[in-house]
Amino acid sequence: FHVQDLTGYAWFSLAGAGLAAAAVFAIGSTKGGPDPISLVLAGTA
């Protein structure tokens, strides 16, 4: 998208952080909810 200013970086960064954390949360959660060990392993991967 040829973003060149810090404001644009901030919005893309915030969106990417949210999507990545949501993915880790989904991968690292079991039927009972988020598992601490699974979250760390999913986050590393």
ModelCIF file with pLDDT and N, C-alpha, C, O atoms, coordinates in Angstrom:
data_MODEL
#
_entry.id   MODEL 
#
_entity.id                         1 
_entity.type                       polymer 
_entity.pdbx_number_of_molecules   1 
#
_entity_poly.entity_id                      1 
_entity_poly.type                           'polypeptide(L)' 
_entity_poly.nstd_linkage                   no 
_entity_poly.nstd_monomer                   no 
_entity_poly.pdbx_seq_one_letter_code       FHVQDLTGYAWFSLAGAGLAAAAVFAIGSTKGGPDPISLVLAGTA 
_entity_poly.pdbx_seq_one_letter_code_can   FHVQDLTGYAWFSLAGAGLAAAAVFAIGSTKGGPDPISLVLAGTA 
_entity_poly.pdbx_strand_id                 A 
#
loop_
_entity_poly_seq.entity_id 
_entity_poly_seq.num 
_entity_poly_seq.mon_id 
_entity_poly_seq.hetero 
1 1  PHE n 
1 2  HIS n 
1 3  VAL n 
1 4  GLN n 
1 5  ASP n 
1 6  LEU n 
1 7  THR n 
1 8  GLY n 
1 9  TYR n 
1 10 ALA n 
1 11 TRP n 
1 12 PHE n 
1 13 SER n 
1 14 LEU n 
1 15 ALA n 
1 16 GLY n 
1 17 ALA n 
1 18 GLY n 
1 19 LEU n 
1 20 ALA n 
1 21 ALA n 
1 22 ALA n 
1 23 ALA n 
1 24 VAL n 
1 25 PHE n 
1 26 ALA n 
1 27 ILE n 
1 28 GLY n 
1 29 SER n 
1 30 THR n 
1 31 LYS n 
1 32 GLY n 
1 33 GLY n 
1 34 PRO n 
1 35 ASP n 
1 36 PRO n 
1 37 ILE n 
1 38 SER n 
1 39 LEU n 
1 40 VAL n 
1 41 LEU n 
1 42 ALA n 
1 43 GLY n 
1 44 THR n 
1 45 ALA n 
#
_struct_asym.id          A 
_struct_asym.entity_id   1 
#
loop_
_ma_qa_metric.id 
_ma_qa_metric.mode 
_ma_qa_metric.name 
_ma_qa_metric.software_group_id 
_ma_qa_metric.type 
1 global pLDDT . pLDDT 
2 local  pLDDT . pLDDT 
#
_ma_qa_metric_global.metric_id      1 
_ma_qa_metric_global.metric_value   83.60 
_ma_qa_metric_global.model_id       1 
_ma_qa_metric_global.ordinal_id     1 
#
loop_
_ma_qa_metric_local.label_asym_id 
_ma_qa_metric_local.label_comp_id 
_ma_qa_metric_local.label_seq_id 
_ma_qa_metric_local.metric_id 
_ma_qa_metric_local.metric_value 
_ma_qa_metric_local.model_id 
_ma_qa_metric_local.ordinal_id 
A PHE 1  2 92.00 1 1  
A HIS 2  2 90.00 1 2  
A VAL 3  2 90.00 1 3  
A GLN 4  2 83.00 1 4  
A ASP 5  2 83.00 1 5  
A LEU 6  2 81.00 1 6  
A THR 7  2 83.00 1 7  
A GLY 8  2 87.00 1 8  
A TYR 9  2 88.00 1 9  
A ALA 10 2 87.00 1 10 
A TRP 11 2 89.00 1 11 
A PHE 12 2 92.00 1 12 
A SER 13 2 89.00 1 13 
A LEU 14 2 88.00 1 14 
A ALA 15 2 90.00 1 15 
A GLY 16 2 91.00 1 16 
A ALA 17 2 88.00 1 17 
A GLY 18 2 86.00 1 18 
A LEU 19 2 91.00 1 19 
A ALA 20 2 91.00 1 20 
A ALA 21 2 84.00 1 21 
A ALA 22 2 84.00 1 22 
A ALA 23 2 90.00 1 23 
A VAL 24 2 88.00 1 24 
A PHE 25 2 81.00 1 25 
A ALA 26 2 84.00 1 26 
A ILE 27 2 89.00 1 27 
A GLY 28 2 83.00 1 28 
A SER 29 2 76.00 1 29 
A THR 30 2 73.00 1 30 
A LYS 31 2 70.00 1 31 
A GLY 32 2 61.00 1 32 
A GLY 33 2 62.00 1 33 
A PRO 34 2 66.00 1 34 
A ASP 35 2 72.00 1 35 
A PRO 36 2 71.00 1 36 
A ILE 37 2 76.00 1 37 
A SER 38 2 83.00 1 38 
A LEU 39 2 80.00 1 39 
A VAL 40 2 80.00 1 40 
A LEU 41 2 87.00 1 41 
A ALA 42 2 90.00 1 42 
A GLY 43 2 90.00 1 43 
A THR 44 2 90.00 1 44 
A ALA 45 2 93.00 1 45 
#
loop_
_atom_site.group_PDB 
_atom_site.id 
_atom_site.type_symbol 
_atom_site.label_atom_id 
_atom_site.label_alt_id 
_atom_site.label_comp_id 
_atom_site.label_asym_id 
_atom_site.label_entity_id 
_atom_site.label_seq_id 
_atom_site.pdbx_PDB_ins_code 
_atom_site.Cartn_x 
_atom_site.Cartn_y 
_atom_site.Cartn_z 
_atom_site.occupancy 
_atom_site.B_iso_or_equiv 
_atom_site.pdbx_formal_charge 
_atom_site.auth_seq_id 
_atom_site.auth_comp_id 
_atom_site.auth_asym_id 
_atom_site.auth_atom_id 
_atom_site.pdbx_PDB_model_num 
ATOM 1   N N  . PHE A 1 1  ? 0.812   -1.222  0.000  1.00 92.00 ? 1  PHE A N  1 
ATOM 2   C CA . PHE A 1 1  ? 0.000   0.000   0.000  1.00 92.00 ? 1  PHE A CA 1 
ATOM 3   C C  . PHE A 1 1  ? 0.843   1.269   0.000  1.00 92.00 ? 1  PHE A C  1 
ATOM 4   O O  . PHE A 1 1  ? 0.294   2.370   0.042  1.00 92.00 ? 1  PHE A O  1 
ATOM 5   N N  . HIS A 1 2  ? 2.157   1.136   -0.046 1.00 90.00 ? 2  HIS A N  1 
ATOM 6   C CA . HIS A 1 2  ? 3.085   2.272   -0.151 1.00 90.00 ? 2  HIS A CA 1 
ATOM 7   C C  . HIS A 1 2  ? 2.876   3.289   0.981  1.00 90.00 ? 2  HIS A C  1 
ATOM 8   O O  . HIS A 1 2  ? 2.922   4.497   0.751  1.00 90.00 ? 2  HIS A O  1 
ATOM 9   N N  . VAL A 1 3  ? 2.652   2.798   2.179  1.00 90.00 ? 3  VAL A N  1 
ATOM 10  C CA . VAL A 1 3  ? 2.525   3.676   3.346  1.00 90.00 ? 3  VAL A CA 1 
ATOM 11  C C  . VAL A 1 3  ? 3.903   4.222   3.692  1.00 90.00 ? 3  VAL A C  1 
ATOM 12  O O  . VAL A 1 3  ? 4.882   3.476   3.718  1.00 90.00 ? 3  VAL A O  1 
ATOM 13  N N  . GLN A 1 4  ? 3.979   5.527   3.957  1.00 83.00 ? 4  GLN A N  1 
ATOM 14  C CA . GLN A 1 4  ? 5.276   6.143   4.201  1.00 83.00 ? 4  GLN A CA 1 
ATOM 15  C C  . GLN A 1 4  ? 5.329   6.978   5.481  1.00 83.00 ? 4  GLN A C  1 
ATOM 16  O O  . GLN A 1 4  ? 6.406   7.442   5.855  1.00 83.00 ? 4  GLN A O  1 
ATOM 17  N N  . ASP A 1 5  ? 4.216   7.179   6.152  1.00 83.00 ? 5  ASP A N  1 
ATOM 18  C CA . ASP A 1 5  ? 4.214   8.026   7.342  1.00 83.00 ? 5  ASP A CA 1 
ATOM 19  C C  . ASP A 1 5  ? 4.009   7.188   8.598  1.00 83.00 ? 5  ASP A C  1 
ATOM 20  O O  . ASP A 1 5  ? 3.506   6.066   8.537  1.00 83.00 ? 5  ASP A O  1 
ATOM 21  N N  . LEU A 1 6  ? 4.409   7.753   9.746  1.00 81.00 ? 6  LEU A N  1 
ATOM 22  C CA . LEU A 1 6  ? 4.341   7.039   11.012 1.00 81.00 ? 6  LEU A CA 1 
ATOM 23  C C  . LEU A 1 6  ? 2.907   6.739   11.426 1.00 81.00 ? 6  LEU A C  1 
ATOM 24  O O  . LEU A 1 6  ? 2.638   5.719   12.060 1.00 81.00 ? 6  LEU A O  1 
ATOM 25  N N  . THR A 1 7  ? 1.985   7.631   11.066 1.00 83.00 ? 7  THR A N  1 
ATOM 26  C CA . THR A 1 7  ? 0.583   7.393   11.400 1.00 83.00 ? 7  THR A CA 1 
ATOM 27  C C  . THR A 1 7  ? 0.062   6.150   10.694 1.00 83.00 ? 7  THR A C  1 
ATOM 28  O O  . THR A 1 7  ? -0.648  5.337   11.285 1.00 83.00 ? 7  THR A O  1 
ATOM 29  N N  . GLY A 1 8  ? 0.424   6.012   9.423  1.00 87.00 ? 8  GLY A N  1 
ATOM 30  C CA . GLY A 1 8  ? 0.022   4.813   8.692  1.00 87.00 ? 8  GLY A CA 1 
ATOM 31  C C  . GLY A 1 8  ? 0.644   3.562   9.265  1.00 87.00 ? 8  GLY A C  1 
ATOM 32  O O  . GLY A 1 8  ? -0.007  2.521   9.357  1.00 87.00 ? 8  GLY A O  1 
ATOM 33  N N  . TYR A 1 9  ? 1.936   3.661   9.659  1.00 88.00 ? 9  TYR A N  1 
ATOM 34  C CA . TYR A 1 9  ? 2.592   2.526   10.293 1.00 88.00 ? 9  TYR A CA 1 
ATOM 35  C C  . TYR A 1 9  ? 1.827   2.102   11.547 1.00 88.00 ? 9  TYR A C  1 
ATOM 36  O O  . TYR A 1 9  ? 1.655   0.909   11.800 1.00 88.00 ? 9  TYR A O  1 
ATOM 37  N N  . ALA A 1 10 ? 1.370   3.083   12.332 1.00 87.00 ? 10 ALA A N  1 
ATOM 38  C CA . ALA A 1 10 ? 0.696   2.780   13.595 1.00 87.00 ? 10 ALA A CA 1 
ATOM 39  C C  . ALA A 1 10 ? -0.563  1.964   13.371 1.00 87.00 ? 10 ALA A C  1 
ATOM 40  O O  . ALA A 1 10 ? -0.816  0.998   14.091 1.00 87.00 ? 10 ALA A O  1 
ATOM 41  N N  . TRP A 1 11 ? -1.360  2.348   12.369 1.00 89.00 ? 11 TRP A N  1 
ATOM 42  C CA . TRP A 1 11 ? -2.617  1.628   12.142 1.00 89.00 ? 11 TRP A CA 1 
ATOM 43  C C  . TRP A 1 11 ? -2.377  0.221   11.605 1.00 89.00 ? 11 TRP A C  1 
ATOM 44  O O  . TRP A 1 11 ? -3.044  -0.726  12.021 1.00 89.00 ? 11 TRP A O  1 
ATOM 45  N N  . PHE A 1 12 ? -1.426  0.083   10.681 1.00 92.00 ? 12 PHE A N  1 
ATOM 46  C CA . PHE A 1 12 ? -1.107  -1.257  10.181 1.00 92.00 ? 12 PHE A CA 1 
ATOM 47  C C  . PHE A 1 12 ? -0.528  -2.119  11.302 1.00 92.00 ? 12 PHE A C  1 
ATOM 48  O O  . PHE A 1 12 ? -0.856  -3.299  11.424 1.00 92.00 ? 12 PHE A O  1 
ATOM 49  N N  . SER A 1 13 ? 0.328   -1.520  12.109 1.00 89.00 ? 13 SER A N  1 
ATOM 50  C CA . SER A 1 13 ? 0.922   -2.251  13.216 1.00 89.00 ? 13 SER A CA 1 
ATOM 51  C C  . SER A 1 13 ? -0.130  -2.735  14.200 1.00 89.00 ? 13 SER A C  1 
ATOM 52  O O  . SER A 1 13 ? -0.091  -3.881  14.648 1.00 89.00 ? 13 SER A O  1 
ATOM 53  N N  . LEU A 1 14 ? -1.062  -1.868  14.531 1.00 88.00 ? 14 LEU A N  1 
ATOM 54  C CA . LEU A 1 14 ? -2.106  -2.227  15.491 1.00 88.00 ? 14 LEU A CA 1 
ATOM 55  C C  . LEU A 1 14 ? -2.991  -3.348  14.936 1.00 88.00 ? 14 LEU A C  1 
ATOM 56  O O  . LEU A 1 14 ? -3.352  -4.280  15.654 1.00 88.00 ? 14 LEU A O  1 
ATOM 57  N N  . ALA A 1 15 ? -3.332  -3.243  13.659 1.00 90.00 ? 15 ALA A N  1 
ATOM 58  C CA . ALA A 1 15 ? -4.147  -4.290  13.042 1.00 90.00 ? 15 ALA A CA 1 
ATOM 59  C C  . ALA A 1 15 ? -3.406  -5.622  12.999 1.00 90.00 ? 15 ALA A C  1 
ATOM 60  O O  . ALA A 1 15 ? -3.980  -6.666  13.310 1.00 90.00 ? 15 ALA A O  1 
ATOM 61  N N  . GLY A 1 16 ? -2.133  -5.587  12.616 1.00 91.00 ? 16 GLY A N  1 
ATOM 62  C CA . GLY A 1 16 ? -1.348  -6.822  12.559 1.00 91.00 ? 16 GLY A CA 1 
ATOM 63  C C  . GLY A 1 16 ? -1.167  -7.450  13.930 1.00 91.00 ? 16 GLY A C  1 
ATOM 64  O O  . GLY A 1 16 ? -1.225  -8.671  14.072 1.00 91.00 ? 16 GLY A O  1 
ATOM 65  N N  . ALA A 1 17 ? -0.946  -6.606  14.950 1.00 88.00 ? 17 ALA A N  1 
ATOM 66  C CA . ALA A 1 17 ? -0.803  -7.127  16.311 1.00 88.00 ? 17 ALA A CA 1 
ATOM 67  C C  . ALA A 1 17 ? -2.075  -7.814  16.770 1.00 88.00 ? 17 ALA A C  1 
ATOM 68  O O  . ALA A 1 17 ? -2.025  -8.882  17.381 1.00 88.00 ? 17 ALA A O  1 
ATOM 69  N N  . GLY A 1 18 ? -3.212  -7.204  16.478 1.00 86.00 ? 18 GLY A N  1 
ATOM 70  C CA . GLY A 1 18 ? -4.490  -7.783  16.885 1.00 86.00 ? 18 GLY A CA 1 
ATOM 71  C C  . GLY A 1 18 ? -4.772  -9.101  16.191 1.00 86.00 ? 18 GLY A C  1 
ATOM 72  O O  . GLY A 1 18 ? -5.219  -10.057 16.824 1.00 86.00 ? 18 GLY A O  1 
ATOM 73  N N  . LEU A 1 19 ? -4.511  -9.157  14.886 1.00 91.00 ? 19 LEU A N  1 
ATOM 74  C CA . LEU A 1 19 ? -4.772  -10.390 14.139 1.00 91.00 ? 19 LEU A CA 1 
ATOM 75  C C  . LEU A 1 19 ? -3.840  -11.517 14.583 1.00 91.00 ? 19 LEU A C  1 
ATOM 76  O O  . LEU A 1 19 ? -4.261  -12.667 14.708 1.00 91.00 ? 19 LEU A O  1 
ATOM 77  N N  . ALA A 1 20 ? -2.571  -11.177 14.820 1.00 91.00 ? 20 ALA A N  1 
ATOM 78  C CA . ALA A 1 20 ? -1.626  -12.203 15.260 1.00 91.00 ? 20 ALA A CA 1 
ATOM 79  C C  . ALA A 1 20 ? -2.002  -12.741 16.639 1.00 91.00 ? 20 ALA A C  1 
ATOM 80  O O  . ALA A 1 20 ? -1.985  -13.951 16.863 1.00 91.00 ? 20 ALA A O  1 
ATOM 81  N N  . ALA A 1 21 ? -2.342  -11.842 17.558 1.00 84.00 ? 21 ALA A N  1 
ATOM 82  C CA . ALA A 1 21 ? -2.729  -12.272 18.902 1.00 84.00 ? 21 ALA A CA 1 
ATOM 83  C C  . ALA A 1 21 ? -4.007  -13.113 18.860 1.00 84.00 ? 21 ALA A C  1 
ATOM 84  O O  . ALA A 1 21 ? -4.139  -14.089 19.599 1.00 84.00 ? 21 ALA A O  1 
ATOM 85  N N  . ALA A 1 22 ? -4.949  -12.725 17.988 1.00 84.00 ? 22 ALA A N  1 
ATOM 86  C CA . ALA A 1 22 ? -6.181  -13.507 17.861 1.00 84.00 ? 22 ALA A CA 1 
ATOM 87  C C  . ALA A 1 22 ? -5.880  -14.911 17.335 1.00 84.00 ? 22 ALA A C  1 
ATOM 88  O O  . ALA A 1 22 ? -6.479  -15.890 17.781 1.00 84.00 ? 22 ALA A O  1 
ATOM 89  N N  . ALA A 1 23 ? -4.948  -14.999 16.383 1.00 90.00 ? 23 ALA A N  1 
ATOM 90  C CA . ALA A 1 23 ? -4.575  -16.310 15.855 1.00 90.00 ? 23 ALA A CA 1 
ATOM 91  C C  . ALA A 1 23 ? -3.914  -17.172 16.928 1.00 90.00 ? 23 ALA A C  1 
ATOM 92  O O  . ALA A 1 23 ? -4.218  -18.358 17.055 1.00 90.00 ? 23 ALA A O  1 
ATOM 93  N N  . VAL A 1 24 ? -3.013  -16.571 17.696 1.00 88.00 ? 24 VAL A N  1 
ATOM 94  C CA . VAL A 1 24 ? -2.361  -17.317 18.782 1.00 88.00 ? 24 VAL A CA 1 
ATOM 95  C C  . VAL A 1 24 ? -3.392  -17.753 19.814 1.00 88.00 ? 24 VAL A C  1 
ATOM 96  O O  . VAL A 1 24 ? -3.351  -18.878 20.311 1.00 88.00 ? 24 VAL A O  1 
ATOM 97  N N  . PHE A 1 25 ? -4.314  -16.853 20.129 1.00 81.00 ? 25 PHE A N  1 
ATOM 98  C CA . PHE A 1 25 ? -5.354  -17.157 21.109 1.00 81.00 ? 25 PHE A CA 1 
ATOM 99  C C  . PHE A 1 25 ? -6.213  -18.328 20.635 1.00 81.00 ? 25 PHE A C  1 
ATOM 100 O O  . PHE A 1 25 ? -6.552  -19.212 21.422 1.00 81.00 ? 25 PHE A O  1 
ATOM 101 N N  . ALA A 1 26 ? -6.566  -18.333 19.341 1.00 84.00 ? 26 ALA A N  1 
ATOM 102 C CA . ALA A 1 26 ? -7.399  -19.404 18.800 1.00 84.00 ? 26 ALA A CA 1 
ATOM 103 C C  . ALA A 1 26 ? -6.648  -20.736 18.785 1.00 84.00 ? 26 ALA A C  1 
ATOM 104 O O  . ALA A 1 26 ? -7.210  -21.774 19.134 1.00 84.00 ? 26 ALA A O  1 
ATOM 105 N N  . ILE A 1 27 ? -5.366  -20.701 18.378 1.00 89.00 ? 27 ILE A N  1 
ATOM 106 C CA . ILE A 1 27 ? -4.583  -21.928 18.303 1.00 89.00 ? 27 ILE A CA 1 
ATOM 107 C C  . ILE A 1 27 ? -4.289  -22.476 19.702 1.00 89.00 ? 27 ILE A C  1 
ATOM 108 O O  . ILE A 1 27 ? -4.313  -23.688 19.914 1.00 89.00 ? 27 ILE A O  1 
ATOM 109 N N  . GLY A 1 28 ? -4.016  -21.590 20.645 1.00 83.00 ? 28 GLY A N  1 
ATOM 110 C CA . GLY A 1 28 ? -3.610  -22.016 21.974 1.00 83.00 ? 28 GLY A CA 1 
ATOM 111 C C  . GLY A 1 28 ? -4.744  -22.257 22.940 1.00 83.00 ? 28 GLY A C  1 
ATOM 112 O O  . GLY A 1 28 ? -4.500  -22.493 24.124 1.00 83.00 ? 28 GLY A O  1 
ATOM 113 N N  . SER A 1 29 ? -5.975  -22.205 22.473 1.00 76.00 ? 29 SER A N  1 
ATOM 114 C CA . SER A 1 29 ? -7.123  -22.431 23.348 1.00 76.00 ? 29 SER A CA 1 
ATOM 115 C C  . SER A 1 29 ? -7.663  -23.844 23.155 1.00 76.00 ? 29 SER A C  1 
ATOM 116 O O  . SER A 1 29 ? -7.690  -24.371 22.043 1.00 76.00 ? 29 SER A O  1 
ATOM 117 N N  . THR A 1 30 ? -8.083  -24.435 24.246 1.00 73.00 ? 30 THR A N  1 
ATOM 118 C CA . THR A 1 30 ? -8.719  -25.740 24.217 1.00 73.00 ? 30 THR A CA 1 
ATOM 119 C C  . THR A 1 30 ? -10.222 -25.546 24.422 1.00 73.00 ? 30 THR A C  1 
ATOM 120 O O  . THR A 1 30 ? -10.718 -24.419 24.408 1.00 73.00 ? 30 THR A O  1 
ATOM 121 N N  . LYS A 1 31 ? -10.932 -26.639 24.610 1.00 70.00 ? 31 LYS A N  1 
ATOM 122 C CA . LYS A 1 31 ? -12.370 -26.527 24.846 1.00 70.00 ? 31 LYS A CA 1 
ATOM 123 C C  . LYS A 1 31 ? -12.674 -25.756 26.130 1.00 70.00 ? 31 LYS A C  1 
ATOM 124 O O  . LYS A 1 31 ? -13.713 -25.107 26.249 1.00 70.00 ? 31 LYS A O  1 
ATOM 125 N N  . GLY A 1 32 ? -11.767 -25.839 27.066 1.00 61.00 ? 32 GLY A N  1 
ATOM 126 C CA . GLY A 1 32 ? -11.974 -25.134 28.330 1.00 61.00 ? 32 GLY A CA 1 
ATOM 127 C C  . GLY A 1 32 ? -11.518 -23.695 28.311 1.00 61.00 ? 32 GLY A C  1 
ATOM 128 O O  . GLY A 1 32 ? -11.742 -22.968 29.278 1.00 61.00 ? 32 GLY A O  1 
ATOM 129 N N  . GLY A 1 33 ? -10.878 -23.262 27.227 1.00 62.00 ? 33 GLY A N  1 
ATOM 130 C CA . GLY A 1 33 ? -10.403 -21.889 27.150 1.00 62.00 ? 33 GLY A CA 1 
ATOM 131 C C  . GLY A 1 33 ? -8.917  -21.846 26.871 1.00 62.00 ? 33 GLY A C  1 
ATOM 132 O O  . GLY A 1 33 ? -8.328  -22.871 26.526 1.00 62.00 ? 33 GLY A O  1 
ATOM 133 N N  . PRO A 1 34 ? -8.286  -20.669 27.014 1.00 66.00 ? 34 PRO A N  1 
ATOM 134 C CA . PRO A 1 34 ? -6.861  -20.530 26.715 1.00 66.00 ? 34 PRO A CA 1 
ATOM 135 C C  . PRO A 1 34 ? -5.999  -21.261 27.733 1.00 66.00 ? 34 PRO A C  1 
ATOM 136 O O  . PRO A 1 34 ? -6.183  -21.096 28.939 1.00 66.00 ? 34 PRO A O  1 
ATOM 137 N N  . ASP A 1 35 ? -5.067  -22.063 27.255 1.00 72.00 ? 35 ASP A N  1 
ATOM 138 C CA . ASP A 1 35 ? -4.144  -22.799 28.115 1.00 72.00 ? 35 ASP A CA 1 
ATOM 139 C C  . ASP A 1 35 ? -2.790  -22.084 28.096 1.00 72.00 ? 35 ASP A C  1 
ATOM 140 O O  . ASP A 1 35 ? -2.267  -21.819 27.014 1.00 72.00 ? 35 ASP A O  1 
ATOM 141 N N  . PRO A 1 36 ? -2.202  -21.761 29.262 1.00 71.00 ? 36 PRO A N  1 
ATOM 142 C CA . PRO A 1 36 ? -0.952  -20.989 29.296 1.00 71.00 ? 36 PRO A CA 1 
ATOM 143 C C  . PRO A 1 36 ? 0.170   -21.614 28.495 1.00 71.00 ? 36 PRO A C  1 
ATOM 144 O O  . PRO A 1 36 ? 0.853   -20.916 27.745 1.00 71.00 ? 36 PRO A O  1 
ATOM 145 N N  . ILE A 1 37 ? 0.379   -22.920 28.638 1.00 76.00 ? 37 ILE A N  1 
ATOM 146 C CA . ILE A 1 37 ? 1.469   -23.571 27.915 1.00 76.00 ? 37 ILE A CA 1 
ATOM 147 C C  . ILE A 1 37 ? 1.203   -23.558 26.416 1.00 76.00 ? 37 ILE A C  1 
ATOM 148 O O  . ILE A 1 37 ? 2.101   -23.282 25.620 1.00 76.00 ? 37 ILE A O  1 
ATOM 149 N N  . SER A 1 38 ? -0.031  -23.858 26.039 1.00 83.00 ? 38 SER A N  1 
ATOM 150 C CA . SER A 1 38 ? -0.374  -23.874 24.616 1.00 83.00 ? 38 SER A CA 1 
ATOM 151 C C  . SER A 1 38 ? -0.242  -22.481 24.005 1.00 83.00 ? 38 SER A C  1 
ATOM 152 O O  . SER A 1 38 ? 0.172   -22.351 22.853 1.00 83.00 ? 38 SER A O  1 
ATOM 153 N N  . LEU A 1 39 ? -0.589  -21.436 24.762 1.00 80.00 ? 39 LEU A N  1 
ATOM 154 C CA . LEU A 1 39 ? -0.456  -20.070 24.260 1.00 80.00 ? 39 LEU A CA 1 
ATOM 155 C C  . LEU A 1 39 ? 1.002   -19.737 23.957 1.00 80.00 ? 39 LEU A C  1 
ATOM 156 O O  . LEU A 1 39 ? 1.303   -19.142 22.922 1.00 80.00 ? 39 LEU A O  1 
ATOM 157 N N  . VAL A 1 40 ? 1.904   -20.119 24.855 1.00 80.00 ? 40 VAL A N  1 
ATOM 158 C CA . VAL A 1 40 ? 3.320   -19.840 24.644 1.00 80.00 ? 40 VAL A CA 1 
ATOM 159 C C  . VAL A 1 40 ? 3.833   -20.580 23.412 1.00 80.00 ? 40 VAL A C  1 
ATOM 160 O O  . VAL A 1 40 ? 4.539   -19.999 22.589 1.00 80.00 ? 40 VAL A O  1 
ATOM 161 N N  . LEU A 1 41 ? 3.482   -21.858 23.281 1.00 87.00 ? 41 LEU A N  1 
ATOM 162 C CA . LEU A 1 41 ? 3.932   -22.643 22.128 1.00 87.00 ? 41 LEU A CA 1 
ATOM 163 C C  . LEU A 1 41 ? 3.350   -22.090 20.826 1.00 87.00 ? 41 LEU A C  1 
ATOM 164 O O  . LEU A 1 41 ? 4.053   -21.972 19.823 1.00 87.00 ? 41 LEU A O  1 
ATOM 165 N N  . ALA A 1 42 ? 2.049   -21.752 20.854 1.00 90.00 ? 42 ALA A N  1 
ATOM 166 C CA . ALA A 1 42 ? 1.413   -21.190 19.660 1.00 90.00 ? 42 ALA A CA 1 
ATOM 167 C C  . ALA A 1 42 ? 2.023   -19.846 19.309 1.00 90.00 ? 42 ALA A C  1 
ATOM 168 O O  . ALA A 1 42 ? 2.252   -19.549 18.137 1.00 90.00 ? 42 ALA A O  1 
ATOM 169 N N  . GLY A 1 43 ? 2.286   -19.032 20.327 1.00 90.00 ? 43 GLY A N  1 
ATOM 170 C CA . GLY A 1 43 ? 2.895   -17.720 20.080 1.00 90.00 ? 43 GLY A CA 1 
ATOM 171 C C  . GLY A 1 43 ? 4.272   -17.837 19.476 1.00 90.00 ? 43 GLY A C  1 
ATOM 172 O O  . GLY A 1 43 ? 4.626   -17.073 18.579 1.00 90.00 ? 43 GLY A O  1 
ATOM 173 N N  . THR A 1 44 ? 5.055   -18.786 19.957 1.00 90.00 ? 44 THR A N  1 
ATOM 174 C CA . THR A 1 44 ? 6.396   -18.999 19.399 1.00 90.00 ? 44 THR A CA 1 
ATOM 175 C C  . THR A 1 44 ? 6.318   -19.420 17.938 1.00 90.00 ? 44 THR A C  1 
ATOM 176 O O  . THR A 1 44 ? 7.074   -18.923 17.104 1.00 90.00 ? 44 THR A O  1 
ATOM 177 N N  . ALA A 1 45 ? 5.407   -20.334 17.629 1.00 93.00 ? 45 ALA A N  1 
ATOM 178 C CA . ALA A 1 45 ? 5.268   -20.818 16.254 1.00 93.00 ? 45 ALA A CA 1 
ATOM 179 C C  . ALA A 1 45 ? 4.786   -19.716 15.321 1.00 93.00 ? 45 ALA A C  1 
ATOM 180 O O  . ALA A 1 45 ? 4.615   -19.951 14.125 1.00 93.00 ? 45 ALA A O  1 
#
